[in-house]
Amino acid sequence: MEIEFHQLETKYMGLRIADAPRLARLVASLCAHGQQQPVLVVRGGRHAESPERYVLIDGYARVAALGELKRDSVEATALDLAEAEALVLAFRLERNRARSAIEEAWLLRELIEGHALAQRALGPLLGRSASWVSRRLALIGVLPAVAETAVRAGTLPAQAAMKYLVPLARANRGQCARLVEQLGGQRLSVRQCARLYAGWRAGNAAQRQAIVERPLLYLELDEKQEAAAAPADPGTEREQRLVRDLGLLAATCRRVREALRERETDLPWPSVLRFAWQEAQAGFAAVLIGIGIAAIRAAGVFVATQSRPWPSAGVDNAADDPYVRRLVGLLGKTKRWARVGTGLWIVPSRGVHTIGMMFPIDLVFLSKEKEVVHVEEYVRPFRISRVSLRASSVLELPPHTIYRTGTQVGDQIEISSLFPPKETPEHVGSTSH
């Protein structure tokens, strides 16, 4: 059905935040394609000698966009429900735009104060848990009215209000209200609100009062001070991309945490959710393994290049110190090291471990005469080899070298280096028996 604007009652406009960019996009869409989805209304009171009136439940942005286009009517669907039931239905059917936490809190307060619904009944009606209802009402209860008005008008981001103004109001409600008043309708970003809250938390009583009284001046001075500071190294493009991905991962984890809190009364979980949780755990395990590998690799590089050599070694840097090279071993090496013709000869040694390594290796235990006294094939990372009392050194080789060369106990090994030891101590020229 088509309803003219003068028949609409917009009594629930205050349950939504003004969003100018979204309104502009909606105006452009209406110009190009027309109204694609009707608004939801319920029948309101009817006065004598006046047309039937309707209460607008959902579609305030569409009505505002049509008003910008100088239209005087809107396509609507009239629900044969009470206003409270229609508000609940609109919330359950919402798909286009998720409400912010403060908008959800406004809806809960309207249902309780405006329609006399019991708080304990709201959770089942909205498909949420009782704790979700309590948390939303607690947020809106602590936020000053002037802050709510600023959020509703779009001058303060809802995310900033929930993340920074709510804890500020809990600590000092009066200063929170004064801070919003002193902004004077100036639009702030979430980052600017975060800087105001961080400055307020770090300051003493006098500094906090100064920030509250002149927040815009504080932001201006803080920006100048930040610009004067030496810029931090942004890192390579790959590192910047990794930082962005980790930020997205952290934001996703926060959303998942909130979603799990909302489902805390729905246990046991559906099987599809349990499967998704297992997949997520596998993904986090892969991330942790990657972090561990990177840390091990960095540790190996640091020890070899930054640590000090032993005084008895008689060298100037750790890279030439045989003790340090023995300590590092293959730590931090990747599979690219494990190519044919490479190896690491550890002298003296009767046993080794592969803790911190990233690939399996073959082990050949040699006597003083370089006779093979014990072999171990394909020793995986984070293992400890057998200790051979007959051995005086251990040769670490790429996997499958023992099988490929047919090396066995009793063979005599000849070892020669292809390069000077200081350049590439891990290279071993050949083995023969």
Protein backbone atom coordinates (compact mmCIF):
# COMPACT_ATOMS: atom_id res chain seq x y z
CA MET A 1 0.00 0.00 0.00
CA GLU A 2 1.02 3.63 -0.52
CA ILE A 3 0.91 6.03 2.42
CA GLU A 4 1.36 9.78 2.31
CA PHE A 5 3.85 11.35 4.66
CA HIS A 6 1.27 13.36 6.59
CA GLN A 7 -0.35 10.06 7.63
CA LEU A 8 2.86 8.80 9.30
CA GLU A 9 3.68 9.10 12.98
CA THR A 10 7.45 8.97 13.50
CA LYS A 11 7.38 8.42 17.24
CA TYR A 12 10.24 5.88 17.15
CA MET A 13 12.71 8.01 15.23
CA GLY A 14 14.81 8.37 18.39
CA LEU A 15 15.62 4.65 18.37
CA ARG A 16 18.00 5.12 15.44
CA ILE A 17 21.24 7.08 14.97
CA ALA A 18 21.39 9.69 12.24
CA ASP A 19 23.79 8.50 9.53
CA ALA A 20 24.39 11.17 6.87
CA PRO A 21 26.67 9.07 4.59
CA ARG A 22 24.17 6.20 4.58
CA LEU A 23 21.34 8.62 3.85
CA ALA A 24 23.27 10.01 0.87
CA ARG A 25 23.83 6.50 -0.49
CA LEU A 26 20.16 5.69 -0.02
CA VAL A 27 19.10 8.85 -1.90
CA ALA A 28 21.33 7.85 -4.81
CA SER A 29 19.89 4.33 -4.80
CA LEU A 30 16.32 5.62 -4.79
CA CYS A 31 17.10 7.92 -7.71
CA ALA A 32 18.54 5.05 -9.73
CA HIS A 33 16.23 2.17 -8.84
CA GLY A 34 13.28 3.55 -6.92
CA GLN A 35 11.98 2.10 -3.65
CA GLN A 36 12.73 -1.62 -3.60
CA GLN A 37 11.54 -2.52 -0.12
CA PRO A 38 8.44 -1.25 1.69
CA VAL A 39 8.59 0.26 5.16
CA LEU A 40 6.78 -1.38 8.08
CA VAL A 41 3.88 0.40 9.76
CA VAL A 42 1.03 -0.38 12.14
CA ARG A 43 -2.32 1.34 12.25
CA GLY A 44 -2.50 4.21 14.69
CA GLY A 45 -5.32 6.32 16.08
CA ARG A 46 -7.85 7.87 13.74
CA HIS A 47 -9.34 11.28 14.34
CA ALA A 48 -12.68 12.55 13.05
CA GLU A 49 -12.57 14.10 9.59
CA SER A 50 -8.91 13.08 9.13
CA PRO A 51 -7.34 10.24 7.14
CA GLU A 52 -6.24 7.07 8.84
CA ARG A 53 -2.85 7.38 10.50
CA TYR A 54 -0.01 4.89 10.73
CA VAL A 55 2.91 4.49 13.12
CA LEU A 56 6.23 3.98 11.32
CA ILE A 57 8.02 0.97 12.81
CA ASP A 58 10.92 0.36 10.43
CA GLY A 59 12.17 2.36 7.44
CA TYR A 60 13.00 5.77 8.87
CA ALA A 61 16.04 6.14 6.62
CA ARG A 62 13.97 5.36 3.52
CA VAL A 63 11.34 7.92 4.50
CA ALA A 64 14.05 10.54 5.11
CA ALA A 65 15.66 9.78 1.75
CA LEU A 66 12.33 10.07 -0.05
CA GLY A 67 11.81 13.39 1.72
CA GLU A 68 15.14 14.61 0.36
CA LEU A 69 13.84 13.75 -3.10
CA LYS A 70 10.68 15.80 -2.45
CA ARG A 71 8.43 12.75 -2.56
CA ASP A 72 5.23 12.84 -0.54
CA SER A 73 4.38 9.14 -0.23
CA VAL A 74 6.03 5.84 0.55
CA GLU A 75 5.30 2.17 -0.16
CA ALA A 76 4.47 0.43 3.11
CA THR A 77 3.37 -2.88 4.58
CA ALA A 78 0.81 -2.57 7.38
CA LEU A 79 1.25 -5.13 10.14
CA ASP A 80 -1.81 -6.29 12.04
CA LEU A 81 0.10 -6.20 15.33
CA ALA A 82 0.47 -4.07 18.40
CA GLU A 83 3.31 -1.55 18.33
CA ALA A 84 5.47 -3.51 20.79
CA GLU A 85 5.02 -6.73 18.82
CA ALA A 86 5.85 -4.90 15.58
CA LEU A 87 9.04 -3.46 17.09
CA VAL A 88 10.13 -6.93 18.18
CA LEU A 89 9.29 -8.40 14.77
CA ALA A 90 11.27 -5.68 12.98
CA PHE A 91 14.28 -6.42 15.20
CA ARG A 92 14.07 -10.16 14.51
CA LEU A 93 13.72 -9.65 10.75
CA GLU A 94 16.49 -7.03 10.47
CA ARG A 95 19.01 -7.91 7.79
CA ASN A 96 20.15 -4.77 5.97
CA ARG A 97 21.82 -2.90 8.80
CA ALA A 98 22.85 -4.24 12.19
CA ARG A 99 21.99 -2.02 15.13
CA SER A 100 24.73 -0.69 17.33
CA ALA A 101 24.78 -1.62 21.01
CA ILE A 102 23.32 1.74 22.01
CA GLU A 103 20.47 1.41 19.48
CA GLU A 104 19.68 -2.01 20.90
CA ALA A 105 19.66 -0.47 24.37
CA TRP A 106 17.25 2.27 23.23
CA LEU A 107 14.89 -0.37 21.86
CA LEU A 108 14.99 -2.31 25.14
CA ARG A 109 14.28 0.82 27.16
CA GLU A 110 11.37 1.73 24.87
CA LEU A 111 9.83 -1.73 25.25
CA ILE A 112 10.18 -1.58 29.04
CA GLU A 113 9.20 2.04 29.71
CA GLY A 114 6.95 2.72 26.75
CA HIS A 115 5.12 -0.61 26.50
CA ALA A 116 5.42 -2.02 30.04
CA LEU A 117 7.15 -5.24 29.02
CA ALA A 118 9.01 -7.12 31.74
CA GLN A 119 12.78 -7.18 31.41
CA ARG A 120 12.92 -10.94 31.89
CA ALA A 121 10.56 -11.39 28.92
CA LEU A 122 12.69 -9.41 26.47
CA GLY A 123 15.40 -12.02 26.00
CA PRO A 124 13.13 -14.76 24.61
CA LEU A 125 11.17 -12.22 22.54
CA LEU A 126 14.29 -10.83 20.85
CA GLY A 127 16.16 -14.13 20.61
CA ARG A 128 18.83 -13.01 23.06
CA SER A 129 20.01 -14.11 26.48
CA ALA A 130 19.04 -12.46 29.76
CA SER A 131 22.65 -11.35 30.28
CA TRP A 132 22.62 -9.62 26.87
CA VAL A 133 19.56 -7.63 27.93
CA SER A 134 21.15 -6.73 31.27
CA ARG A 135 24.41 -5.58 29.66
CA ARG A 136 22.63 -3.37 27.13
CA LEU A 137 20.45 -1.74 29.78
CA ALA A 138 23.47 -1.21 32.03
CA LEU A 139 25.26 0.64 29.25
CA ILE A 140 22.39 2.96 28.53
CA GLY A 141 21.78 3.48 32.22
CA VAL A 142 25.20 4.94 32.92
CA LEU A 143 25.47 7.14 29.82
CA PRO A 144 24.38 10.78 30.42
CA ALA A 145 21.39 12.07 28.47
CA VAL A 146 23.49 14.70 26.69
CA ALA A 147 25.77 11.94 25.40
CA GLU A 148 22.78 9.95 24.16
CA THR A 149 21.56 13.03 22.28
CA ALA A 150 24.97 13.49 20.65
CA VAL A 151 25.08 9.86 19.57
CA ARG A 152 21.52 10.04 18.23
CA ALA A 153 22.42 13.16 16.21
CA GLY A 154 25.49 11.43 14.78
CA THR A 155 28.06 13.84 16.23
CA LEU A 156 29.52 11.09 18.44
CA PRO A 157 30.15 7.57 17.05
CA ALA A 158 28.18 4.89 18.87
CA GLN A 159 31.31 2.75 19.11
CA ALA A 160 33.20 5.59 20.82
CA ALA A 161 30.33 6.17 23.24
CA MET A 162 30.25 2.53 24.30
CA LYS A 163 34.03 2.08 24.42
CA TYR A 164 35.16 5.38 25.97
CA LEU A 165 32.28 7.48 27.27
CA VAL A 166 30.65 4.67 29.23
CA PRO A 167 33.78 3.93 31.34
CA LEU A 168 34.31 7.69 31.73
CA ALA A 169 30.71 8.09 32.95
CA ARG A 170 31.16 5.23 35.39
CA ALA A 171 34.20 6.96 36.84
CA ASN A 172 32.78 10.50 36.79
CA ARG A 173 29.33 11.02 35.28
CA GLY A 174 29.42 14.78 35.70
CA GLN A 175 32.69 15.19 33.84
CA CYS A 176 31.44 12.92 31.06
CA ALA A 177 28.37 15.10 30.57
CA ARG A 178 30.46 18.27 30.71
CA LEU A 179 32.90 16.90 28.13
CA VAL A 180 30.10 16.22 25.65
CA GLU A 181 28.59 19.66 26.27
CA GLN A 182 31.93 21.36 25.59
CA LEU A 183 32.25 19.61 22.24
CA GLY A 184 29.43 21.85 21.07
CA GLY A 185 28.15 19.51 18.39
CA GLN A 186 31.60 19.05 16.84
CA ARG A 187 31.83 15.69 15.08
CA LEU A 188 34.59 13.47 16.46
CA SER A 189 36.06 10.25 15.17
CA VAL A 190 36.49 7.12 17.26
CA ARG A 191 40.25 7.76 17.32
CA GLN A 192 39.77 11.29 18.67
CA CYS A 193 37.46 10.02 21.40
CA ALA A 194 40.06 7.40 22.28
CA ARG A 195 42.73 10.08 22.64
CA LEU A 196 40.48 12.19 24.87
CA TYR A 197 39.76 9.22 27.12
CA ALA A 198 43.43 8.16 27.22
CA GLY A 199 44.47 11.71 28.19
CA TRP A 200 41.77 11.89 30.85
CA ARG A 201 42.83 8.57 32.38
CA ALA A 202 46.51 9.50 32.43
CA GLY A 203 46.01 12.98 33.93
CA ASN A 204 45.68 14.18 37.50
CA ALA A 205 42.60 16.00 38.82
CA ALA A 206 43.60 19.39 37.38
CA GLN A 207 44.55 17.93 34.01
CA ARG A 208 41.30 15.98 33.79
CA GLN A 209 39.30 19.11 34.50
CA ALA A 210 41.23 21.00 31.81
CA ILE A 211 40.50 18.27 29.25
CA VAL A 212 36.82 18.25 30.14
CA GLU A 213 36.53 22.04 29.87
CA ARG A 214 38.46 22.38 26.59
CA PRO A 215 38.48 19.02 24.78
CA LEU A 216 38.94 20.46 21.28
CA LEU A 217 41.99 22.44 22.39
CA TYR A 218 43.45 19.31 23.95
CA LEU A 219 42.96 17.38 20.70
CA GLU A 220 44.63 20.17 18.71
CA LEU A 221 47.66 20.27 21.02
CA ASP A 222 47.88 16.49 21.12
CA GLU A 223 47.88 16.31 17.32
CA LYS A 224 50.66 18.89 17.11
CA GLN A 225 52.72 17.02 19.67
CA GLU A 226 52.20 13.75 17.79
CA ALA A 227 53.19 15.39 14.49
CA ALA A 228 56.37 16.81 16.07
CA ALA A 229 57.42 13.40 17.37
CA ALA A 230 59.70 11.25 15.25
CA PRO A 231 57.60 9.07 12.96
CA ALA A 232 57.71 5.39 13.76
CA ASP A 233 59.06 3.03 11.16
CA PRO A 234 55.95 1.67 9.39
CA GLY A 235 57.84 -1.41 8.27
CA THR A 236 57.73 -3.11 4.91
CA GLU A 237 54.55 -3.50 2.90
CA ARG A 238 54.37 -7.14 3.95
CA GLU A 239 54.69 -6.19 7.63
CA GLN A 240 52.01 -3.51 7.28
CA ARG A 241 49.68 -6.04 5.67
CA LEU A 242 50.34 -8.46 8.53
CA VAL A 243 49.57 -5.76 11.10
CA ARG A 244 46.28 -4.99 9.33
CA ASP A 245 45.38 -8.68 9.18
CA LEU A 246 46.11 -9.11 12.90
CA GLY A 247 43.90 -6.10 13.64
CA LEU A 248 41.06 -7.63 11.62
CA LEU A 249 41.61 -10.94 13.44
CA ALA A 250 41.38 -9.19 16.81
CA ALA A 251 38.16 -7.42 15.78
CA THR A 252 36.68 -10.72 14.58
CA CYS A 253 37.58 -12.36 17.89
CA ARG A 254 35.79 -9.60 19.80
CA ARG A 255 32.65 -10.05 17.70
CA VAL A 256 32.77 -13.82 18.20
CA ARG A 257 33.17 -13.33 21.95
CA GLU A 258 30.05 -11.15 22.06
CA ALA A 259 28.12 -13.65 19.94
CA LEU A 260 29.13 -16.51 22.24
CA ARG A 261 28.02 -14.52 25.27
CA GLU A 262 24.64 -14.04 23.65
CA ARG A 263 24.32 -17.79 23.07
CA GLU A 264 25.39 -18.79 26.57
CA THR A 265 21.87 -20.03 27.40
CA ASP A 266 21.58 -22.01 24.14
CA LEU A 267 23.92 -24.83 25.08
CA PRO A 268 24.52 -27.42 23.74
CA TRP A 269 25.63 -25.72 20.54
CA PRO A 270 24.40 -26.89 17.14
CA SER A 271 26.74 -29.30 15.37
CA VAL A 272 27.56 -26.77 12.65
CA LEU A 273 28.73 -24.30 15.30
CA ARG A 274 30.89 -26.93 16.96
CA PHE A 275 32.49 -27.75 13.60
CA ALA A 276 33.15 -24.06 12.92
CA TRP A 277 34.72 -23.75 16.37
CA GLN A 278 37.07 -26.66 15.63
CA GLU A 279 38.07 -25.02 12.35
CA ALA A 280 38.75 -21.75 14.18
CA GLN A 281 40.89 -23.56 16.76
CA ALA A 282 42.92 -25.13 13.95
CA GLY A 283 43.42 -21.69 12.40
CA PHE A 284 44.62 -20.22 15.70
CA ALA A 285 46.98 -23.15 16.18
CA ALA A 286 48.49 -22.42 12.76
CA VAL A 287 48.95 -18.76 13.72
CA LEU A 288 50.64 -19.72 17.00
CA ILE A 289 52.93 -22.16 15.19
CA GLY A 290 53.86 -19.42 12.73
CA ILE A 291 54.65 -17.04 15.57
CA GLY A 292 56.75 -19.71 17.28
CA ILE A 293 58.69 -20.48 14.11
CA ALA A 294 59.36 -16.80 13.51
CA ALA A 295 60.53 -16.38 17.12
CA ILE A 296 62.88 -19.35 16.85
CA ARG A 297 64.29 -18.06 13.57
CA ALA A 298 64.80 -14.59 15.04
CA ALA A 299 66.47 -16.09 18.10
CA GLY A 300 68.94 -17.98 15.93
CA VAL A 301 69.82 -14.86 13.95
CA PHE A 302 70.16 -12.79 17.13
CA VAL A 303 72.47 -15.27 18.86
CA ALA A 304 74.65 -15.61 15.77
CA THR A 305 74.95 -11.90 15.02
CA GLN A 306 74.28 -9.91 18.20
CA SER A 307 75.62 -11.99 21.07
CA ARG A 308 79.20 -11.64 22.28
CA PRO A 309 81.75 -14.43 21.56
CA TRP A 310 83.38 -16.40 24.36
CA PRO A 311 86.72 -14.88 25.43
CA SER A 312 88.46 -18.22 24.92
CA ALA A 313 87.32 -18.39 21.28
CA GLY A 314 89.78 -15.64 20.24
CA VAL A 315 87.41 -14.14 17.64
CA ASP A 316 85.81 -10.71 17.31
CA ASN A 317 82.17 -11.63 16.62
CA ALA A 318 79.76 -14.38 17.55
CA ALA A 319 79.32 -15.55 13.96
CA ASP A 320 82.93 -16.84 14.01
CA ASP A 321 82.71 -18.33 17.51
CA PRO A 322 82.61 -22.16 17.30
CA TYR A 323 80.83 -22.35 20.64
CA VAL A 324 78.03 -20.04 19.46
CA ARG A 325 77.76 -21.82 16.12
CA ARG A 326 77.49 -25.13 17.96
CA LEU A 327 74.80 -23.67 20.25
CA VAL A 328 72.73 -22.31 17.35
CA GLY A 329 73.17 -25.32 15.11
CA LEU A 330 70.28 -25.54 12.63
CA LEU A 331 68.06 -23.33 14.76
CA GLY A 332 65.99 -21.09 12.48
CA LYS A 333 66.96 -22.92 9.28
CA THR A 334 64.19 -23.76 6.83
CA LYS A 335 63.70 -26.66 4.44
CA ARG A 336 65.67 -24.74 1.85
CA TRP A 337 68.79 -25.57 3.87
CA ALA A 338 68.11 -29.30 3.59
CA ARG A 339 69.42 -29.81 0.06
CA VAL A 340 71.73 -32.49 -1.24
CA GLY A 341 75.36 -31.91 -0.25
CA THR A 342 74.74 -29.90 2.91
CA GLY A 343 75.23 -30.91 6.49
CA LEU A 344 76.37 -29.82 9.94
CA TRP A 345 79.19 -31.62 11.74
CA ILE A 346 79.01 -31.16 15.52
CA VAL A 347 82.30 -31.85 17.29
CA PRO A 348 82.42 -33.03 20.01
CA SER A 349 79.02 -34.59 20.56
CA ARG A 350 77.53 -37.91 21.63
CA GLY A 351 73.87 -36.92 21.14
CA VAL A 352 71.76 -34.07 19.84
CA HIS A 353 68.21 -32.74 19.98
CA THR A 354 65.96 -31.19 17.32
CA ILE A 355 64.08 -28.78 19.59
CA GLY A 356 63.33 -25.59 17.68
CA MET A 357 64.01 -27.08 14.26
CA MET A 358 61.51 -26.83 11.41
CA PHE A 359 62.21 -30.01 9.42
CA PRO A 360 63.37 -33.59 10.04
CA ILE A 361 67.02 -34.60 9.67
CA ASP A 362 69.19 -37.73 9.46
CA LEU A 363 71.86 -38.31 12.13
CA VAL A 364 75.16 -40.13 11.67
CA PHE A 365 77.20 -40.75 14.86
CA LEU A 366 80.95 -40.95 14.24
CA SER A 367 83.88 -42.19 16.29
CA LYS A 368 87.19 -40.34 16.50
CA GLU A 369 88.30 -42.20 13.37
CA LYS A 370 85.10 -41.06 11.59
CA GLU A 371 83.68 -44.57 11.64
CA VAL A 372 79.89 -44.81 11.72
CA VAL A 373 78.86 -46.21 15.11
CA HIS A 374 75.12 -45.37 15.03
CA VAL A 375 72.55 -43.90 12.61
CA GLU A 376 69.06 -42.42 13.06
CA GLU A 377 66.87 -41.64 10.06
CA TYR A 378 64.22 -38.96 9.69
CA VAL A 379 64.40 -37.53 13.21
CA ARG A 380 61.45 -35.15 13.51
CA PRO A 381 61.57 -31.71 15.17
CA PHE A 382 61.37 -31.52 18.98
CA ARG A 383 62.94 -34.93 19.52
CA ILE A 384 66.01 -36.07 21.52
CA SER A 385 68.37 -38.56 19.91
CA ARG A 386 69.98 -41.54 21.53
CA VAL A 387 73.27 -40.88 23.37
CA SER A 388 76.10 -43.03 21.97
CA LEU A 389 79.12 -43.44 24.26
CA ARG A 390 81.21 -44.67 21.32
CA ALA A 391 80.58 -41.48 19.32
CA SER A 392 82.75 -38.38 19.44
CA SER A 393 80.86 -36.32 16.86
CA VAL A 394 77.48 -36.19 15.14
CA LEU A 395 76.78 -35.39 11.50
CA GLU A 396 73.38 -33.75 10.85
CA LEU A 397 72.21 -34.29 7.26
CA PRO A 398 69.10 -33.57 5.17
CA PRO A 399 66.34 -36.21 5.49
CA HIS A 400 66.71 -39.47 3.48
CA THR A 401 70.47 -38.94 3.02
CA ILE A 402 71.25 -42.19 4.89
CA TYR A 403 68.82 -44.14 2.70
CA ARG A 404 70.02 -42.50 -0.51
CA THR A 405 73.73 -43.14 0.19
CA GLY A 406 73.28 -46.53 1.86
CA THR A 407 75.25 -45.42 4.91
CA GLN A 408 75.34 -48.02 7.71
CA VAL A 409 77.20 -48.82 10.91
CA GLY A 410 80.85 -49.67 10.24
CA ASP A 411 81.27 -47.38 7.23
CA GLN A 412 84.21 -44.99 7.16
CA ILE A 413 83.19 -41.39 6.44
CA GLU A 414 85.38 -38.82 4.72
CA ILE A 415 84.37 -35.21 5.37
CA SER A 416 85.55 -32.23 3.38
CA SER A 417 84.30 -28.65 3.27
CA LEU A 418 83.44 -27.01 -0.04
CA PHE A 419 83.88 -23.49 1.39
CA PRO A 420 86.01 -21.91 4.10
CA PRO A 421 84.48 -22.67 7.54
CA LYS A 422 83.92 -18.98 8.35
CA GLU A 423 81.76 -18.46 5.28
CA THR A 424 79.40 -21.43 5.39
CA PRO A 425 80.28 -23.77 8.27
CA GLU A 426 77.24 -25.94 7.64
CA HIS A 427 78.28 -27.07 4.13
CA VAL A 428 79.80 -30.53 3.88
CA GLY A 429 81.25 -31.56 0.57
CA SER A 430 80.87 -35.31 0.36
CA THR A 431 80.55 -38.51 2.31
CA SER A 432 82.09 -41.77 1.18
CA HIS A 433 82.41 -45.15 2.68
